[in-house]
Amino acid sequence: MNIKSKSDQCKEFTRLMLTGNCTQKEAARQLGIAESTACRWMKDLPVTQYFSVRKRLIAELNQLSKDYTNNADNISRLMADIEKLDGLIRKAKFIPHLQN
């Protein structure tokens, strides 16, 4: 594959990752980019960011649940946040800026 600009490579990397047909390593090889670049671009993908935020929310929820009686309101708020985030993750399957 012969994609010249970094912007085009990044768009193609995003497309490859969202299709789920190859690994980061395979995409890096196909695009002729360093694995470290692929790793950095992967962290910038909206879906990856959503999962990262969700993971932090769940960790905080688990910590708060250890003292449920004093943290019931915070736990409810976090559960609502996680539900909203799950909705965003489901919607992330379609990202309009990737269509040409």
PDB file of N, CA and C in Angstrom:
ATOM      1  N   MET A   1       0.846  -1.167   0.000  1.00  0.00           N
ATOM      2  CA  MET A   1       0.000   0.000   0.000  1.00  0.00           C
ATOM      3  C   MET A   1       0.894   1.233   0.000  1.00  0.00           C
ATOM      4  N   ASN A   2       0.601   2.194  -0.819  1.00  0.00           N
ATOM      5  CA  ASN A   2       1.470   3.348  -0.980  1.00  0.00           C
ATOM      6  C   ASN A   2       0.716   4.637  -0.657  1.00  0.00           C
ATOM      7  N   ILE A   3       0.559   4.922   0.631  1.00  0.00           N
ATOM      8  CA  ILE A   3      -0.105   6.142   1.078  1.00  0.00           C
ATOM      9  C   ILE A   3       0.992   7.097   1.509  1.00  0.00           C
ATOM     10  N   LYS A   4       0.999   8.295   0.943  1.00  0.00           N
ATOM     11  CA  LYS A   4       2.129   9.191   1.139  1.00  0.00           C
ATOM     12  C   LYS A   4       2.030  10.088   2.377  1.00  0.00           C
ATOM     13  N   SER A   5       0.951  10.836   2.547  1.00  0.00           N
ATOM     14  CA  SER A   5       0.913  11.806   3.643  1.00  0.00           C
ATOM     15  C   SER A   5       0.562  11.138   4.975  1.00  0.00           C
ATOM     16  N   LYS A   6       1.043  11.737   6.068  1.00  0.00           N
ATOM     17  CA  LYS A   6       0.744  11.235   7.413  1.00  0.00           C
ATOM     18  C   LYS A   6      -0.755  11.260   7.660  1.00  0.00           C
ATOM     19  N   SER A   7      -1.412  12.308   7.168  1.00  0.00           N
ATOM     20  CA  SER A   7      -2.857  12.431   7.349  1.00  0.00           C
ATOM     21  C   SER A   7      -3.578  11.267   6.669  1.00  0.00           C
ATOM     22  N   ASP A   8      -3.167  10.939   5.458  1.00  0.00           N
ATOM     23  CA  ASP A   8      -3.777   9.818   4.744  1.00  0.00           C
ATOM     24  C   ASP A   8      -3.468   8.492   5.443  1.00  0.00           C
ATOM     25  N   GLN A   9      -2.245   8.367   5.946  1.00  0.00           N
ATOM     26  CA  GLN A   9      -1.868   7.152   6.666  1.00  0.00           C
ATOM     27  C   GLN A   9      -2.715   7.010   7.930  1.00  0.00           C
ATOM     28  N   CYS A  10      -2.905   8.110   8.640  1.00  0.00           N
ATOM     29  CA  CYS A  10      -3.689   8.086   9.876  1.00  0.00           C
ATOM     30  C   CYS A  10      -5.145   7.698   9.577  1.00  0.00           C
ATOM     31  N   LYS A  11      -5.716   8.271   8.530  1.00  0.00           N
ATOM     32  CA  LYS A  11      -7.093   7.930   8.147  1.00  0.00           C
ATOM     33  C   LYS A  11      -7.205   6.453   7.775  1.00  0.00           C
ATOM     34  N   GLU A  12      -6.235   5.963   7.017  1.00  0.00           N
ATOM     35  CA  GLU A  12      -6.258   4.559   6.615  1.00  0.00           C
ATOM     36  C   GLU A  12      -6.061   3.657   7.828  1.00  0.00           C
ATOM     37  N   PHE A  13      -5.189   4.047   8.754  1.00  0.00           N
ATOM     38  CA  PHE A  13      -4.987   3.285   9.984  1.00  0.00           C
ATOM     39  C   PHE A  13      -6.303   3.201  10.761  1.00  0.00           C
ATOM     40  N   THR A  14      -6.977   4.334  10.893  1.00  0.00           N
ATOM     41  CA  THR A  14      -8.255   4.369  11.608  1.00  0.00           C
ATOM     42  C   THR A  14      -9.254   3.435  10.933  1.00  0.00           C
ATOM     43  N   ARG A  15      -9.327   3.495   9.611  1.00  0.00           N
ATOM     44  CA  ARG A  15     -10.246   2.627   8.875  1.00  0.00           C
ATOM     45  C   ARG A  15      -9.922   1.158   9.133  1.00  0.00           C
ATOM     46  N   LEU A  16      -8.643   0.808   9.068  1.00  0.00           N
ATOM     47  CA  LEU A  16      -8.227  -0.573   9.301  1.00  0.00           C
ATOM     48  C   LEU A  16      -8.583  -1.045  10.713  1.00  0.00           C
ATOM     49  N   MET A  17      -8.381  -0.185  11.691  1.00  0.00           N
ATOM     50  CA  MET A  17      -8.656  -0.562  13.073  1.00  0.00           C
ATOM     51  C   MET A  17     -10.160  -0.715  13.314  1.00  0.00           C
ATOM     52  N   LEU A  18     -10.956   0.166  12.727  1.00  0.00           N
ATOM     53  CA  LEU A  18     -12.400   0.094  12.947  1.00  0.00           C
ATOM     54  C   LEU A  18     -13.047  -1.085  12.228  1.00  0.00           C
ATOM     55  N   THR A  19     -12.425  -1.582  11.167  1.00  0.00           N
ATOM     56  CA  THR A  19     -12.967  -2.760  10.497  1.00  0.00           C
ATOM     57  C   THR A  19     -12.670  -4.021  11.298  1.00  0.00           C
ATOM     58  N   GLY A  20     -11.608  -3.970  12.102  1.00  0.00           N
ATOM     59  CA  GLY A  20     -11.234  -5.120  12.915  1.00  0.00           C
ATOM     60  C   GLY A  20     -10.603  -6.249  12.127  1.00  0.00           C
ATOM     61  N   ASN A  21     -10.172  -5.946  10.904  1.00  0.00           N
ATOM     62  CA  ASN A  21      -9.602  -7.001  10.052  1.00  0.00           C
ATOM     63  C   ASN A  21      -8.111  -7.202  10.231  1.00  0.00           C
ATOM     64  N   CYS A  22      -7.457  -6.370  11.017  1.00  0.00           N
ATOM     65  CA  CYS A  22      -6.025  -6.571  11.252  1.00  0.00           C
ATOM     66  C   CYS A  22      -5.637  -5.997  12.608  1.00  0.00           C
ATOM     67  N   THR A  23      -4.465  -6.386  13.060  1.00  0.00           N
ATOM     68  CA  THR A  23      -3.946  -5.887  14.334  1.00  0.00           C
ATOM     69  C   THR A  23      -3.209  -4.571  14.104  1.00  0.00           C
ATOM     70  N   GLN A  24      -2.877  -3.895  15.187  1.00  0.00           N
ATOM     71  CA  GLN A  24      -2.078  -2.671  15.086  1.00  0.00           C
ATOM     72  C   GLN A  24      -0.768  -2.935  14.360  1.00  0.00           C
ATOM     73  N   LYS A  25      -0.146  -4.039  14.721  1.00  0.00           N
ATOM     74  CA  LYS A  25       1.148  -4.398  14.126  1.00  0.00           C
ATOM     75  C   LYS A  25       1.012  -4.620  12.619  1.00  0.00           C
ATOM     76  N   GLU A  26      -0.033  -5.327  12.218  1.00  0.00           N
ATOM     77  CA  GLU A  26      -0.259  -5.574  10.794  1.00  0.00           C
ATOM     78  C   GLU A  26      -0.548  -4.266  10.047  1.00  0.00           C
ATOM     79  N   ALA A  27      -1.342  -3.408  10.659  1.00  0.00           N
ATOM     80  CA  ALA A  27      -1.666  -2.122  10.025  1.00  0.00           C
ATOM     81  C   ALA A  27      -0.406  -1.275   9.881  1.00  0.00           C
ATOM     82  N   ALA A  28       0.425  -1.253  10.908  1.00  0.00           N
ATOM     83  CA  ALA A  28       1.672  -0.490  10.851  1.00  0.00           C
ATOM     84  C   ALA A  28       2.544  -0.986   9.701  1.00  0.00           C
ATOM     85  N   ARG A  29       2.638  -2.290   9.582  1.00  0.00           N
ATOM     86  CA  ARG A  29       3.434  -2.876   8.508  1.00  0.00           C
ATOM     87  C   ARG A  29       2.854  -2.515   7.135  1.00  0.00           C
ATOM     88  N   GLN A  30       1.546  -2.633   6.977  1.00  0.00           N
ATOM     89  CA  GLN A  30       0.892  -2.320   5.706  1.00  0.00           C
ATOM     90  C   GLN A  30       1.104  -0.859   5.306  1.00  0.00           C
ATOM     91  N   LEU A  31       1.073   0.032   6.299  1.00  0.00           N
ATOM     92  CA  LEU A  31       1.164   1.464   6.017  1.00  0.00           C
ATOM     93  C   LEU A  31       2.597   1.988   6.030  1.00  0.00           C
ATOM     94  N   GLY A  32       3.527   1.155   6.462  1.00  0.00           N
ATOM     95  CA  GLY A  32       4.921   1.569   6.512  1.00  0.00           C
ATOM     96  C   GLY A  32       5.205   2.586   7.608  1.00  0.00           C
ATOM     97  N   ILE A  33       4.524   2.410   8.755  1.00  0.00           N
ATOM     98  CA  ILE A  33       4.736   3.308   9.894  1.00  0.00           C
ATOM     99  C   ILE A  33       5.307   2.508  11.058  1.00  0.00           C
ATOM    100  N   ALA A  34       5.901   3.212  11.995  1.00  0.00           N
ATOM    101  CA  ALA A  34       6.459   2.558  13.178  1.00  0.00           C
ATOM    102  C   ALA A  34       5.332   2.031  14.069  1.00  0.00           C
ATOM    103  N   GLU A  35       5.606   0.946  14.772  1.00  0.00           N
ATOM    104  CA  GLU A  35       4.614   0.403  15.701  1.00  0.00           C
ATOM    105  C   GLU A  35       4.280   1.412  16.793  1.00  0.00           C
ATOM    106  N   SER A  36       5.258   2.219  17.196  1.00  0.00           N
ATOM    107  CA  SER A  36       4.997   3.239  18.215  1.00  0.00           C
ATOM    108  C   SER A  36       4.006   4.288  17.697  1.00  0.00           C
ATOM    109  N   THR A  37       4.091   4.608  16.404  1.00  0.00           N
ATOM    110  CA  THR A  37       3.131   5.534  15.796  1.00  0.00           C
ATOM    111  C   THR A  37       1.743   4.907  15.793  1.00  0.00           C
ATOM    112  N   ALA A  38       1.662   3.634  15.432  1.00  0.00           N
ATOM    113  CA  ALA A  38       0.378   2.927  15.434  1.00  0.00           C
ATOM    114  C   ALA A  38      -0.222   2.917  16.839  1.00  0.00           C
ATOM    115  N   CYS A  39       0.611   2.693  17.833  1.00  0.00           N
ATOM    116  CA  CYS A  39       0.151   2.682  19.225  1.00  0.00           C
ATOM    117  C   CYS A  39      -0.403   4.054  19.615  1.00  0.00           C
ATOM    118  N   ARG A  40       0.307   5.098  19.245  1.00  0.00           N
ATOM    119  CA  ARG A  40      -0.131   6.469  19.564  1.00  0.00           C
ATOM    120  C   ARG A  40      -1.452   6.785  18.853  1.00  0.00           C
ATOM    121  N   TRP A  41      -1.544   6.420  17.579  1.00  0.00           N
ATOM    122  CA  TRP A  41      -2.777   6.673  16.835  1.00  0.00           C
ATOM    123  C   TRP A  41      -3.938   5.865  17.412  1.00  0.00           C
ATOM    124  N   MET A  42      -3.657   4.656  17.873  1.00  0.00           N
ATOM    125  CA  MET A  42      -4.707   3.826  18.460  1.00  0.00           C
ATOM    126  C   MET A  42      -5.278   4.495  19.704  1.00  0.00           C
ATOM    127  N   LYS A  43      -4.412   5.085  20.516  1.00  0.00           N
ATOM    128  CA  LYS A  43      -4.864   5.765  21.725  1.00  0.00           C
ATOM    129  C   LYS A  43      -5.730   6.974  21.405  1.00  0.00           C
ATOM    130  N   ASP A  44      -5.552   7.555  20.222  1.00  0.00           N
ATOM    131  CA  ASP A  44      -6.314   8.730  19.818  1.00  0.00           C
ATOM    132  C   ASP A  44      -7.669   8.399  19.196  1.00  0.00           C
ATOM    133  N   LEU A  45      -7.914   7.132  18.906  1.00  0.00           N
ATOM    134  CA  LEU A  45      -9.198   6.756  18.322  1.00  0.00           C
ATOM    135  C   LEU A  45     -10.318   6.997  19.329  1.00  0.00           C
ATOM    136  N   PRO A  46     -11.442   7.565  18.892  1.00  0.00           N
ATOM    137  CA  PRO A  46     -12.543   7.834  19.820  1.00  0.00           C
ATOM    138  C   PRO A  46     -12.996   6.605  20.590  1.00  0.00           C
ATOM    139  N   VAL A  47     -13.087   5.470  19.931  1.00  0.00           N
ATOM    140  CA  VAL A  47     -13.542   4.255  20.604  1.00  0.00           C
ATOM    141  C   VAL A  47     -12.585   3.875  21.721  1.00  0.00           C
ATOM    142  N   THR A  48     -11.293   3.969  21.471  1.00  0.00           N
ATOM    143  CA  THR A  48     -10.288   3.651  22.482  1.00  0.00           C
ATOM    144  C   THR A  48     -10.409   4.603  23.662  1.00  0.00           C
ATOM    145  N   GLN A  49     -10.629   5.891  23.375  1.00  0.00           N
ATOM    146  CA  GLN A  49     -10.788   6.868  24.444  1.00  0.00           C
ATOM    147  C   GLN A  49     -12.022   6.568  25.286  1.00  0.00           C
ATOM    148  N   TYR A  50     -13.122   6.171  24.635  1.00  0.00           N
ATOM    149  CA  TYR A  50     -14.331   5.823  25.389  1.00  0.00           C
ATOM    150  C   TYR A  50     -14.074   4.654  26.320  1.00  0.00           C
ATOM    151  N   PHE A  51     -13.398   3.626  25.830  1.00  0.00           N
ATOM    152  CA  PHE A  51     -13.120   2.466  26.673  1.00  0.00           C
ATOM    153  C   PHE A  51     -12.202   2.831  27.836  1.00  0.00           C
ATOM    154  N   SER A  52     -11.270   3.724  27.604  1.00  0.00           N
ATOM    155  CA  SER A  52     -10.373   4.171  28.669  1.00  0.00           C
ATOM    156  C   SER A  52     -11.147   4.899  29.765  1.00  0.00           C
ATOM    157  N   VAL A  53     -12.031   5.789  29.373  1.00  0.00           N
ATOM    158  CA  VAL A  53     -12.855   6.520  30.347  1.00  0.00           C
ATOM    159  C   VAL A  53     -13.760   5.553  31.086  1.00  0.00           C
ATOM    160  N   ARG A  54     -14.348   4.615  30.367  1.00  0.00           N
ATOM    161  CA  ARG A  54     -15.240   3.632  30.991  1.00  0.00           C
ATOM    162  C   ARG A  54     -14.481   2.809  32.032  1.00  0.00           C
ATOM    163  N   LYS A  55     -13.282   2.411  31.705  1.00  0.00           N
ATOM    164  CA  LYS A  55     -12.464   1.619  32.634  1.00  0.00           C
ATOM    165  C   LYS A  55     -12.190   2.408  33.921  1.00  0.00           C
ATOM    166  N   ARG A  56     -11.869   3.702  33.777  1.00  0.00           N
ATOM    167  CA  ARG A  56     -11.626   4.538  34.957  1.00  0.00           C
ATOM    168  C   ARG A  56     -12.894   4.699  35.796  1.00  0.00           C
ATOM    169  N   LEU A  57     -14.046   4.875  35.138  1.00  0.00           N
ATOM    170  CA  LEU A  57     -15.302   5.009  35.872  1.00  0.00           C
ATOM    171  C   LEU A  57     -15.623   3.738  36.659  1.00  0.00           C
ATOM    172  N   ILE A  58     -15.395   2.602  36.049  1.00  0.00           N
ATOM    173  CA  ILE A  58     -15.673   1.334  36.731  1.00  0.00           C
ATOM    174  C   ILE A  58     -14.739   1.145  37.917  1.00  0.00           C
ATOM    175  N   ALA A  59     -13.479   1.520  37.761  1.00  0.00           N
ATOM    176  CA  ALA A  59     -12.526   1.412  38.872  1.00  0.00           C
ATOM    177  C   ALA A  59     -12.973   2.298  40.034  1.00  0.00           C
ATOM    178  N   GLU A  60     -13.408   3.507  39.714  1.00  0.00           N
ATOM    179  CA  GLU A  60     -13.881   4.422  40.762  1.00  0.00           C
ATOM    180  C   GLU A  60     -15.145   3.866  41.415  1.00  0.00           C
ATOM    181  N   LEU A  61     -16.027   3.303  40.621  1.00  0.00           N
ATOM    182  CA  LEU A  61     -17.250   2.703  41.147  1.00  0.00           C
ATOM    183  C   LEU A  61     -16.923   1.550  42.091  1.00  0.00           C
ATOM    184  N   ASN A  62     -15.984   0.717  41.705  1.00  0.00           N
ATOM    185  CA  ASN A  62     -15.584  -0.396  42.567  1.00  0.00           C
ATOM    186  C   ASN A  62     -15.011   0.093  43.888  1.00  0.00           C
ATOM    187  N   GLN A  63     -14.222   1.154  43.837  1.00  0.00           N
ATOM    188  CA  GLN A  63     -13.636   1.716  45.061  1.00  0.00           C
ATOM    189  C   GLN A  63     -14.735   2.276  45.968  1.00  0.00           C
ATOM    190  N   LEU A  64     -15.671   2.997  45.378  1.00  0.00           N
ATOM    191  CA  LEU A  64     -16.761   3.579  46.169  1.00  0.00           C
ATOM    192  C   LEU A  64     -17.680   2.509  46.765  1.00  0.00           C
ATOM    193  N   SER A  65     -17.854   1.411  46.057  1.00  0.00           N
ATOM    194  CA  SER A  65     -18.774   0.375  46.527  1.00  0.00           C
ATOM    195  C   SER A  65     -18.278  -0.317  47.793  1.00  0.00           C
ATOM    196  N   LYS A  66     -17.015  -0.134  48.115  1.00  0.00           N
ATOM    197  CA  LYS A  66     -16.483  -0.733  49.350  1.00  0.00           C
ATOM    198  C   LYS A  66     -17.110  -0.103  50.587  1.00  0.00           C
ATOM    199  N   ASP A  67     -17.588   1.135  50.452  1.00  0.00           N
ATOM    200  CA  ASP A  67     -18.274   1.829  51.547  1.00  0.00           C
ATOM    201  C   ASP A  67     -19.602   2.354  51.001  1.00  0.00           C
ATOM    202  N   TYR A  68     -20.477   1.430  50.649  1.00  0.00           N
ATOM    203  CA  TYR A  68     -21.714   1.755  49.953  1.00  0.00           C
ATOM    204  C   TYR A  68     -22.578   2.760  50.717  1.00  0.00           C
ATOM    205  N   THR A  69     -22.710   2.611  52.019  1.00  0.00           N
ATOM    206  CA  THR A  69     -23.632   3.457  52.773  1.00  0.00           C
ATOM    207  C   THR A  69     -23.275   4.936  52.685  1.00  0.00           C
ATOM    208  N   ASN A  70     -21.984   5.261  52.611  1.00  0.00           N
ATOM    209  CA  ASN A  70     -21.578   6.667  52.528  1.00  0.00           C
ATOM    210  C   ASN A  70     -21.429   7.163  51.088  1.00  0.00           C
ATOM    211  N   ASN A  71     -21.497   6.271  50.132  1.00  0.00           N
ATOM    212  CA  ASN A  71     -21.235   6.653  48.748  1.00  0.00           C
ATOM    213  C   ASN A  71     -22.364   6.324  47.767  1.00  0.00           C
ATOM    214  N   ALA A  72     -23.554   6.082  48.266  1.00  0.00           N
ATOM    215  CA  ALA A  72     -24.670   5.667  47.405  1.00  0.00           C
ATOM    216  C   ALA A  72     -24.937   6.676  46.284  1.00  0.00           C
ATOM    217  N   ASP A  73     -24.913   7.965  46.588  1.00  0.00           N
ATOM    218  CA  ASP A  73     -25.174   8.985  45.560  1.00  0.00           C
ATOM    219  C   ASP A  73     -24.087   8.981  44.489  1.00  0.00           C
ATOM    220  N   ASN A  74     -22.841   8.889  44.920  1.00  0.00           N
ATOM    221  CA  ASN A  74     -21.735   8.848  43.956  1.00  0.00           C
ATOM    222  C   ASN A  74     -21.805   7.603  43.077  1.00  0.00           C
ATOM    223  N   ILE A  75     -22.189   6.496  43.675  1.00  0.00           N
ATOM    224  CA  ILE A  75     -22.304   5.251  42.924  1.00  0.00           C
ATOM    225  C   ILE A  75     -23.395   5.385  41.861  1.00  0.00           C
ATOM    226  N   SER A  76     -24.527   5.956  42.219  1.00  0.00           N
ATOM    227  CA  SER A  76     -25.617   6.151  41.253  1.00  0.00           C
ATOM    228  C   SER A  76     -25.183   7.057  40.115  1.00  0.00           C
ATOM    229  N   ARG A  77     -24.454   8.121  40.433  1.00  0.00           N
ATOM    230  CA  ARG A  77     -23.968   9.049  39.415  1.00  0.00           C
ATOM    231  C   ARG A  77     -23.007   8.345  38.459  1.00  0.00           C
ATOM    232  N   LEU A  78     -22.098   7.562  39.009  1.00  0.00           N
ATOM    233  CA  LEU A  78     -21.153   6.840  38.170  1.00  0.00           C
ATOM    234  C   LEU A  78     -21.838   5.801  37.287  1.00  0.00           C
ATOM    235  N   MET A  79     -22.839   5.130  37.821  1.00  0.00           N
ATOM    236  CA  MET A  79     -23.562   4.150  37.017  1.00  0.00           C
ATOM    237  C   MET A  79     -24.264   4.837  35.844  1.00  0.00           C
ATOM    238  N   ALA A  80     -24.834   6.005  36.080  1.00  0.00           N
ATOM    239  CA  ALA A  80     -25.482   6.768  34.999  1.00  0.00           C
ATOM    240  C   ALA A  80     -24.441   7.198  33.965  1.00  0.00           C
ATOM    241  N   ASP A  81     -23.259   7.632  34.428  1.00  0.00           N
ATOM    242  CA  ASP A  81     -22.187   8.019  33.511  1.00  0.00           C
ATOM    243  C   ASP A  81     -21.737   6.849  32.648  1.00  0.00           C
ATOM    244  N   ILE A  82     -21.635   5.678  33.249  1.00  0.00           N
ATOM    245  CA  ILE A  82     -21.219   4.489  32.507  1.00  0.00           C
ATOM    246  C   ILE A  82     -22.266   4.131  31.457  1.00  0.00           C
ATOM    247  N   GLU A  83     -23.542   4.248  31.798  1.00  0.00           N
ATOM    248  CA  GLU A  83     -24.605   3.967  30.828  1.00  0.00           C
ATOM    249  C   GLU A  83     -24.523   4.933  29.648  1.00  0.00           C
ATOM    250  N   LYS A  84     -24.287   6.221  29.917  1.00  0.00           N
ATOM    251  CA  LYS A  84     -24.145   7.205  28.845  1.00  0.00           C
ATOM    252  C   LYS A  84     -22.940   6.867  27.963  1.00  0.00           C
ATOM    253  N   LEU A  85     -21.851   6.502  28.602  1.00  0.00           N
ATOM    254  CA  LEU A  85     -20.639   6.158  27.873  1.00  0.00           C
ATOM    255  C   LEU A  85     -20.845   4.921  27.013  1.00  0.00           C
ATOM    256  N   ASP A  86     -21.556   3.941  27.523  1.00  0.00           N
ATOM    257  CA  ASP A  86     -21.863   2.748  26.728  1.00  0.00           C
ATOM    258  C   ASP A  86     -22.658   3.122  25.479  1.00  0.00           C
ATOM    259  N   GLY A  87     -23.583   4.069  25.615  1.00  0.00           N
ATOM    260  CA  GLY A  87     -24.340   4.539  24.454  1.00  0.00           C
ATOM    261  C   GLY A  87     -23.427   5.180  23.424  1.00  0.00           C
ATOM    262  N   LEU A  88     -22.470   5.967  23.887  1.00  0.00           N
ATOM    263  CA  LEU A  88     -21.517   6.592  22.976  1.00  0.00           C
ATOM    264  C   LEU A  88     -20.646   5.560  22.280  1.00  0.00           C
ATOM    265  N   ILE A  89     -20.248   4.539  23.011  1.00  0.00           N
ATOM    266  CA  ILE A  89     -19.423   3.476  22.430  1.00  0.00           C
ATOM    267  C   ILE A  89     -20.199   2.767  21.326  1.00  0.00           C
ATOM    268  N   ARG A  90     -21.482   2.480  21.574  1.00  0.00           N
ATOM    269  CA  ARG A  90     -22.292   1.824  20.546  1.00  0.00           C
ATOM    270  C   ARG A  90     -22.429   2.700  19.315  1.00  0.00           C
ATOM    271  N   LYS A  91     -22.562   4.014  19.492  1.00  0.00           N
ATOM    272  CA  LYS A  91     -22.693   4.943  18.366  1.00  0.00           C
ATOM    273  C   LYS A  91     -21.374   5.128  17.623  1.00  0.00           C
ATOM    274  N   ALA A  92     -20.260   4.839  18.265  1.00  0.00           N
ATOM    275  CA  ALA A  92     -18.942   5.070  17.667  1.00  0.00           C
ATOM    276  C   ALA A  92     -18.661   4.157  16.482  1.00  0.00           C
ATOM    277  N   LYS A  93     -19.521   3.177  16.252  1.00  0.00           N
ATOM    278  CA  LYS A  93     -19.337   2.306  15.087  1.00  0.00           C
ATOM    279  C   LYS A  93     -19.410   3.106  13.798  1.00  0.00           C
ATOM    280  N   PHE A  94     -20.142   4.216  13.820  1.00  0.00           N
ATOM    281  CA  PHE A  94     -20.268   5.064  12.640  1.00  0.00           C
ATOM    282  C   PHE A  94     -19.623   6.402  12.947  1.00  0.00           C
ATOM    283  N   ILE A  95     -18.527   6.672  12.268  1.00  0.00           N
ATOM    284  CA  ILE A  95     -17.822   7.932  12.456  1.00  0.00           C
ATOM    285  C   ILE A  95     -17.819   8.646  11.121  1.00  0.00           C
ATOM    286  N   PRO A  96     -18.673   9.679  10.954  1.00  0.00           N
ATOM    287  CA  PRO A  96     -18.847  10.323   9.645  1.00  0.00           C
ATOM    288  C   PRO A  96     -17.579  10.847   8.996  1.00  0.00           C
ATOM    289  N   HIS A  97     -16.622  11.342   9.766  1.00  0.00           N
ATOM    290  CA  HIS A  97     -15.437  11.957   9.139  1.00  0.00           C
ATOM    291  C   HIS A  97     -14.551  10.928   8.430  1.00  0.00           C
ATOM    292  N   LEU A  98     -14.844   9.653   8.578  1.00  0.00           N
ATOM    293  CA  LEU A  98     -14.037   8.635   7.903  1.00  0.00           C
ATOM    294  C   LEU A  98     -14.539   8.353   6.499  1.00  0.00           C
ATOM    295  N   GLN A  99     -15.756   8.774   6.207  1.00  0.00           N
ATOM    296  CA  GLN A  99     -16.295   8.506   4.884  1.00  0.00           C
ATOM    297  C   GLN A  99     -15.770   9.528   3.894  1.00  0.00           C
ATOM    298  N   ASN A 100     -15.384   9.054   2.729  1.00  0.00           N
ATOM    299  CA  ASN A 100     -14.865   9.930   1.678  1.00  0.00           C
ATOM    300  C   ASN A 100     -15.872  10.046   0.563  1.00  0.00           C
TER     301      ASN A 100
END
